[in-house]
Structure formats: C-alpha cells, structure tokens
Protein backbone atom coordinates (compact mmCIF):
# COMPACT_ATOMS: atom_id res chain seq x y z
CA MET A 1 3.55 14.98 -12.52
CA GLY A 2 5.55 11.77 -12.50
CA ILE A 3 4.90 11.41 -8.76
CA LEU A 4 1.17 11.67 -9.37
CA GLY A 5 1.40 8.87 -11.92
CA LEU A 6 3.55 6.82 -9.55
CA LEU A 7 0.94 7.12 -6.80
CA LEU A 8 -1.84 6.32 -9.25
CA GLY A 9 -0.02 3.19 -10.42
CA ALA A 10 0.66 2.12 -6.85
CA GLY A 11 -3.04 2.53 -6.08
CA VAL A 12 -3.93 0.34 -9.06
CA SER A 13 -1.54 -2.40 -7.89
CA VAL A 14 -2.73 -2.28 -4.31
CA ALA A 15 -6.41 -2.38 -5.30
CA VAL A 16 -6.04 -5.27 -7.77
CA LEU A 17 -3.89 -7.43 -5.49
CA LEU A 18 -6.03 -6.82 -2.41
CA MET A 19 -9.16 -7.66 -4.39
CA VAL A 20 -7.73 -10.88 -5.81
CA THR A 21 -6.39 -12.01 -2.42
CA ALA A 22 -9.55 -11.23 -0.47
CA LEU A 23 -12.05 -12.69 -2.96
CA PRO A 24 -14.35 -15.32 -1.33
CA LEU A 25 -14.12 -18.89 -2.63
CA THR A 26 -17.35 -19.03 -4.65
CA PRO A 27 -16.71 -15.97 -6.83
CA ALA A 28 -13.00 -16.84 -6.88
CA ARG A 29 -13.75 -20.03 -8.78
CA GLY A 30 -15.71 -18.12 -11.41
CA VAL A 31 -12.97 -15.52 -11.79
CA ALA A 32 -10.34 -18.27 -12.06
CA VAL A 33 -12.34 -20.02 -14.79
CA LEU A 34 -12.71 -16.74 -16.70
CA ALA A 35 -8.96 -16.12 -16.39
CA PHE A 36 -8.19 -19.56 -17.81
CA VAL A 37 -10.65 -18.95 -20.67
CA ALA A 38 -8.88 -15.65 -21.41
CA LEU A 39 -5.59 -17.54 -21.30
CA LEU A 40 -6.90 -20.01 -23.87
CA VAL A 41 -7.99 -17.14 -26.11
CA VAL A 42 -4.49 -15.64 -25.90
CA LEU A 43 -2.96 -19.04 -26.63
CA GLY A 44 -5.23 -19.47 -29.64
CA SER A 45 -4.34 -16.05 -30.97
CA ILE A 46 -0.66 -16.94 -30.69
CA LEU A 47 -1.08 -20.32 -32.38
CA PHE A 48 -3.08 -18.95 -35.29
CA THR A 49 -0.81 -15.99 -36.02
CA ASP A 50 0.70 -16.05 -39.50
CA GLY A 51 4.20 -14.76 -38.79
CA SER A 52 6.79 -16.78 -36.92
CA LEU A 53 8.17 -13.63 -35.27
CA GLU A 54 4.76 -12.75 -33.83
CA ARG A 55 4.28 -16.34 -32.71
CA SER A 56 7.68 -16.38 -30.99
CA PHE A 57 7.16 -13.10 -29.18
CA GLY A 58 3.61 -14.12 -28.28
CA ALA A 59 4.90 -17.35 -26.75
CA VAL A 60 7.52 -15.47 -24.74
CA TYR A 61 4.93 -13.00 -23.45
CA LEU A 62 2.55 -15.83 -22.62
CA VAL A 63 5.19 -17.70 -20.61
CA MET A 64 6.18 -14.50 -18.79
CA GLY A 65 2.52 -13.84 -18.00
CA LEU A 66 2.10 -17.38 -16.67
CA LEU A 67 5.18 -16.98 -14.46
CA ALA A 68 3.90 -13.63 -13.20
CA GLY A 69 0.51 -15.23 -12.54
CA ALA A 70 2.11 -18.03 -10.53
CA VAL A 71 4.07 -15.48 -8.47
CA LEU A 72 1.00 -13.27 -7.93
CA ALA A 73 -0.90 -16.35 -6.73
CA LEU A 74 1.52 -16.82 -3.82
CA PRO A 75 -0.40 -14.79 -1.19
CA ARG A 76 -3.61 -16.64 -2.03
CA LEU A 77 -1.83 -20.00 -1.98
CA LEU A 78 -0.38 -19.24 1.46
CA ARG A 79 -3.63 -17.87 2.84
CA TYR A 80 -6.02 -20.58 1.64
CA ALA A 81 -3.75 -23.64 1.47
CA GLY A 82 -5.91 -26.71 1.96
CA LEU A 83 -9.12 -24.67 1.90
CA GLU A 84 -9.41 -24.23 -1.85
CA PRO A 85 -8.03 -26.06 -4.89
CA VAL A 86 -4.65 -24.89 -6.15
CA TRP A 87 -6.08 -24.17 -9.61
CA VAL A 88 -8.26 -21.43 -8.11
CA SER A 89 -5.25 -19.63 -6.64
CA LEU A 90 -3.29 -19.99 -9.88
CA GLY A 91 -6.28 -18.78 -11.90
CA LEU A 92 -6.58 -15.74 -9.65
CA GLY A 93 -2.88 -15.06 -10.19
CA VAL A 94 -3.50 -15.06 -13.94
CA ALA A 95 -6.53 -12.85 -13.37
CA ALA A 96 -4.34 -10.44 -11.37
CA VAL A 97 -1.90 -10.16 -14.28
CA LEU A 98 -4.74 -9.54 -16.72
CA LEU A 99 -6.38 -7.02 -14.39
CA LEU A 100 -3.14 -5.10 -13.85
CA ILE A 101 -2.72 -4.83 -17.61
CA ALA A 102 -6.37 -3.93 -18.27
CA VAL A 103 -6.79 -1.43 -15.43
CA GLY A 104 -3.43 0.20 -16.16
CA THR A 105 -4.34 0.56 -19.82
CA GLY A 106 -7.81 1.86 -18.94
CA VAL A 107 -6.48 4.47 -16.52
CA ASP A 108 -3.95 5.55 -19.15
CA ALA A 109 -6.74 5.91 -21.73
CA LEU A 110 -8.80 7.98 -19.28
CA LEU A 111 -5.81 10.23 -18.69
CA GLY A 112 -5.50 10.67 -22.45
CA MET A 113 -9.12 11.81 -22.66
CA MET A 114 -9.03 14.11 -19.61
CA LEU A 115 -5.64 15.81 -19.91
CA PRO A 116 -4.77 18.49 -22.46
CA PRO A 117 -2.75 17.64 -25.58
CA PRO A 118 1.00 18.34 -25.63
CA ASP A 119 2.12 21.94 -25.92
CA PRO A 120 2.77 22.56 -29.64
CA GLN A 121 5.73 24.85 -28.99
CA THR A 122 7.63 22.89 -26.36
CA GLY A 123 6.24 19.40 -26.97
CA ILE A 124 5.88 18.87 -23.21
CA SER A 125 3.02 16.53 -22.40
CA VAL A 126 1.53 16.23 -18.93
CA LYS A 127 -0.13 12.98 -19.97
CA ALA A 128 3.21 11.43 -20.98
CA GLN A 129 4.73 12.27 -17.60
CA ILE A 130 1.80 10.85 -15.66
CA SER A 131 1.64 7.75 -17.90
CA GLN A 132 5.30 6.98 -17.32
CA GLY A 133 4.76 7.32 -13.58
CA LEU A 134 1.65 5.12 -13.84
CA SER A 135 3.51 2.19 -15.37
CA ASN A 136 6.41 2.65 -12.94
CA GLY A 137 3.99 2.74 -10.01
CA ILE A 138 2.38 -0.52 -11.11
CA LEU A 139 5.76 -2.19 -11.59
CA ILE A 140 7.16 -0.98 -8.26
CA ALA A 141 4.09 -1.44 -6.06
CA ALA A 142 3.06 -4.91 -7.30
CA PRO A 143 6.15 -6.74 -5.93
CA VAL A 144 6.05 -4.73 -2.71
CA MET A 145 2.38 -5.55 -2.22
CA LEU A 146 3.10 -9.18 -3.11
CA VAL A 147 5.73 -9.40 -0.36
CA VAL A 148 3.47 -7.72 2.20
CA LEU A 149 0.46 -9.91 1.39
CA SER A 150 2.58 -13.08 1.38
CA TRP A 151 4.12 -12.17 4.72
CA LEU A 152 0.68 -11.46 6.23
CA ALA A 153 -0.69 -14.75 4.89
CA TRP A 154 2.30 -16.66 6.22
CA ARG A 155 1.94 -15.02 9.66
CA GLN A 156 -1.76 -15.88 9.68
CA ARG A 157 -0.98 -19.55 8.94
CA VAL A 158 1.77 -19.78 11.58
CA ALA A 159 -0.20 -18.04 14.33
C-alpha cells in the first residue's frame, strides 16, 4: 500500500509542477498575485499570534516556505527569463508550495473518507500506509521533477 501512496504523491508533484511551469503569462500573473496575498495572510497570522513559541515556529516555517518557493520557481525563471517579470516566477514558486501542501492534504482527506477505518484487532490501517507513501512521494518526486524541468528549460534556452 505504501507504493500506491508513493505513486499517488509523485503524481501530485508532477501535476502541480508541470501546471505551474506551463502556465501562460496572463493567468500566471493572477496566480502569482493570489500567492503573494496568501503569503501576506500567513505573515499576518504569524504576527498576530499570542504565543512567542507559535510566532517563532511560524516564522521558521514561513522562511522555509519562501526558500522552497524560490527553488520551485527555478524552472520558470530559466524558461521565461526576460519574457516575464521575476516576481511572477517567484509568485508561482510560492503558489507551487501552497498547491503541493493543499493538494496533498486534500488527497489525504479523500483517502480518509474512502478507505475503511483501522482494523480494531490488529490496529493496521490501510489509510495510514497510503498516507505515509503519499507524503514520501511528494517529497521525493518534487526535487526530481524540479531538476528535470530546470534541465529542460536550460536546454531550451541554450538551443
């Protein structure tokens, strides 16, 4: 069952990164603006949190998300360098991070609704096995897809 989750997670990563890289310029600007608005909402929720521990962890997660967004923007930056503003590519990188989180969470929730509950006698849960594979598939396939898309964009620019 873990393999099924791994393949499902890889499919999520491939679909999100291909979509973000191939998005035409006009809708890409709108998606980038929405991603920056979502980023401001996250920043506001961190700033207005009461506890210092929550604020600290929120800041760390925000910085890690921004770094991941900058890295996920690399194929788009290579592909459309000079053809679109840099903020659009960076915004789409942030959108890719948000989409990977949202789609992964949504698929996991759907699995929870569709699959049977854990066996009461053994405690074995099919959903838990697939969910673990799902997150692993997203984490493994995203960097691989990032390298492939960056290499293809670089080859397209050089050729």
